[in-house]
Amino acid sequence: MQPFQIIFNPVSAAELSRMPKELQLEILGEFRGLPQEVVSTDLERFGKLRRGGKTLHRFRLGDYRVYFERHELGVVVHRILSRNSLRDFQFRSNLPLGEDEALQDNPKFWELIEAATQSGRRES
């Protein structure tokens, strides 16, 4: 079996590193069962956000939301955001939908994700 990797882009790694160590360990601990699910399922238990052929999945971890996508080596984590920041984002955007639908249809969310991706490309 091929090794499974959880790849944090520079932005998500920075977001994780700013958290208290106990919270970092808790979040990383929640990834334990992820490899099996990513390899063997369609990730139905995770939220899905689609735009322009790209599919992100949302993994809820307590007060945090981890946005990731499948990768040939495992998964790439794009962002780790506080639930409260998402609520604030929705409030500021006046979005009357559910969390995933609201974010999926909002270009500002995708700009946030793309900014993380582009940041990683510049550092390479």
Protein backbone atom coordinates (compact mmCIF):
# COMPACT_ATOMS: atom_id res chain seq x y z
CA MET A 1 0.00 0.00 0.00
CA GLN A 2 1.24 3.47 -0.93
CA PRO A 3 1.98 5.85 1.98
CA PHE A 4 -0.70 8.44 2.70
CA GLN A 5 0.33 12.05 3.21
CA ILE A 6 -1.49 14.97 4.72
CA ILE A 7 0.10 17.96 3.05
CA PHE A 8 -0.32 21.39 4.63
CA ASN A 9 0.24 24.26 2.22
CA PRO A 10 2.20 27.21 3.69
CA VAL A 11 -0.95 29.11 4.70
CA SER A 12 -2.64 26.19 6.48
CA ALA A 13 0.67 25.25 8.15
CA ALA A 14 0.97 28.83 9.43
CA GLU A 15 -2.64 28.80 10.66
CA LEU A 16 -1.97 25.55 12.54
CA SER A 17 1.31 26.80 14.02
CA ARG A 18 -0.40 29.89 15.49
CA MET A 19 -2.73 27.69 17.54
CA PRO A 20 -1.92 26.52 21.07
CA LYS A 21 0.04 23.24 21.06
CA GLU A 22 -2.82 21.32 22.73
CA LEU A 23 -5.20 22.42 19.98
CA GLN A 24 -2.66 21.53 17.28
CA LEU A 25 -2.37 18.02 18.71
CA GLU A 26 -6.15 17.70 18.95
CA ILE A 27 -6.62 18.74 15.32
CA LEU A 28 -3.83 16.47 14.08
CA GLY A 29 -5.27 13.62 16.15
CA GLU A 30 -8.59 13.98 14.34
CA PHE A 31 -6.84 13.10 11.09
CA ARG A 32 -6.16 9.54 12.30
CA GLY A 33 -9.04 7.91 10.41
CA LEU A 34 -8.84 10.20 7.41
CA PRO A 35 -6.50 8.08 5.24
CA GLN A 36 -8.89 5.12 5.17
CA GLU A 37 -11.88 7.33 4.39
CA VAL A 38 -10.13 9.22 1.60
CA VAL A 39 -8.88 6.04 -0.05
CA SER A 40 -12.00 3.89 0.37
CA THR A 41 -15.01 6.25 0.20
CA ASP A 42 -16.51 9.13 -1.71
CA LEU A 43 -16.06 11.38 1.36
CA GLU A 44 -19.82 11.74 1.80
CA ARG A 45 -19.53 12.58 5.50
CA PHE A 46 -17.59 15.74 4.69
CA GLY A 47 -19.02 18.94 3.30
CA LYS A 48 -18.33 19.56 -0.38
CA LEU A 49 -17.72 22.83 -2.13
CA ARG A 50 -17.37 22.84 -5.91
CA ARG A 51 -16.30 25.52 -8.31
CA GLY A 52 -14.68 25.49 -11.73
CA GLY A 53 -13.93 21.77 -11.66
CA LYS A 54 -12.30 21.96 -8.22
CA THR A 55 -13.79 20.12 -5.25
CA LEU A 56 -12.90 21.03 -1.70
CA HIS A 57 -14.04 19.05 1.29
CA ARG A 58 -14.84 20.51 4.69
CA PHE A 59 -13.85 18.58 7.80
CA ARG A 60 -15.39 19.90 11.03
CA LEU A 61 -13.15 19.67 14.06
CA GLY A 62 -14.89 21.27 17.02
CA ASP A 63 -14.75 25.03 16.49
CA TYR A 64 -12.58 24.72 13.38
CA ARG A 65 -13.16 23.92 9.74
CA VAL A 66 -10.44 22.25 7.70
CA TYR A 67 -10.73 22.72 3.94
CA PHE A 68 -8.88 20.10 1.91
CA GLU A 69 -8.85 18.35 -1.43
CA ARG A 70 -7.78 14.91 -2.55
CA HIS A 71 -4.28 14.59 -3.95
CA GLU A 72 -2.49 11.66 -5.57
CA LEU A 73 -0.40 11.31 -2.38
CA GLY A 74 -3.30 11.81 0.07
CA VAL A 75 -4.85 15.20 0.83
CA VAL A 76 -3.79 18.84 0.64
CA VAL A 77 -5.03 21.06 3.46
CA HIS A 78 -5.75 24.54 2.12
CA ARG A 79 -7.11 26.37 5.17
CA ILE A 80 -7.89 25.83 8.86
CA LEU A 81 -10.46 28.42 9.88
CA SER A 82 -12.28 29.10 13.11
CA ARG A 83 -16.00 28.49 12.94
CA ASN A 84 -16.45 32.01 14.27
CA SER A 85 -14.48 33.49 11.39
CA LEU A 86 -16.77 31.63 8.98
CA ARG A 87 -19.84 32.97 10.76
CA ASP A 88 -18.40 36.45 10.55
CA PHE A 89 -17.63 35.89 6.88
CA GLN A 90 -21.21 34.78 6.23
CA PHE A 91 -22.66 37.68 8.21
CA ARG A 92 -20.55 40.22 6.35
CA SER A 93 -21.54 38.64 3.05
CA ASN A 94 -25.29 38.52 3.93
CA LEU A 95 -25.59 34.87 2.96
CA PRO A 96 -28.89 33.23 3.97
CA LEU A 97 -27.80 29.67 3.00
CA GLY A 98 -26.11 26.82 4.81
CA GLU A 99 -22.37 27.03 5.44
CA ASP A 100 -21.22 24.95 2.46
CA GLU A 101 -23.69 26.37 -0.05
CA ALA A 102 -22.93 29.91 1.02
CA LEU A 103 -19.19 29.47 0.71
CA GLN A 104 -19.36 27.47 -2.50
CA ASP A 105 -21.20 30.30 -4.26
CA ASN A 106 -19.14 33.14 -2.84
CA PRO A 107 -16.14 34.26 -4.93
CA LYS A 108 -14.47 35.79 -1.86
CA PHE A 109 -14.18 32.34 -0.26
CA TRP A 110 -12.48 30.97 -3.38
CA GLU A 111 -10.15 33.98 -3.41
CA LEU A 112 -9.20 33.02 0.16
CA ILE A 113 -8.44 29.45 -0.96
CA GLU A 114 -6.58 30.55 -4.10
CA ALA A 115 -4.49 33.02 -2.10
CA ALA A 116 -3.25 30.08 -0.04
CA THR A 117 -2.46 28.07 -3.18
CA GLN A 118 -0.65 30.94 -4.87
CA SER A 119 1.32 31.67 -1.70
CA GLY A 120 2.62 28.10 -1.77
CA ARG A 121 3.67 28.38 -5.41
CA ARG A 122 5.69 31.56 -4.80
CA GLU A 123 7.62 29.98 -1.94
CA SER A 124 8.61 26.95 -4.01
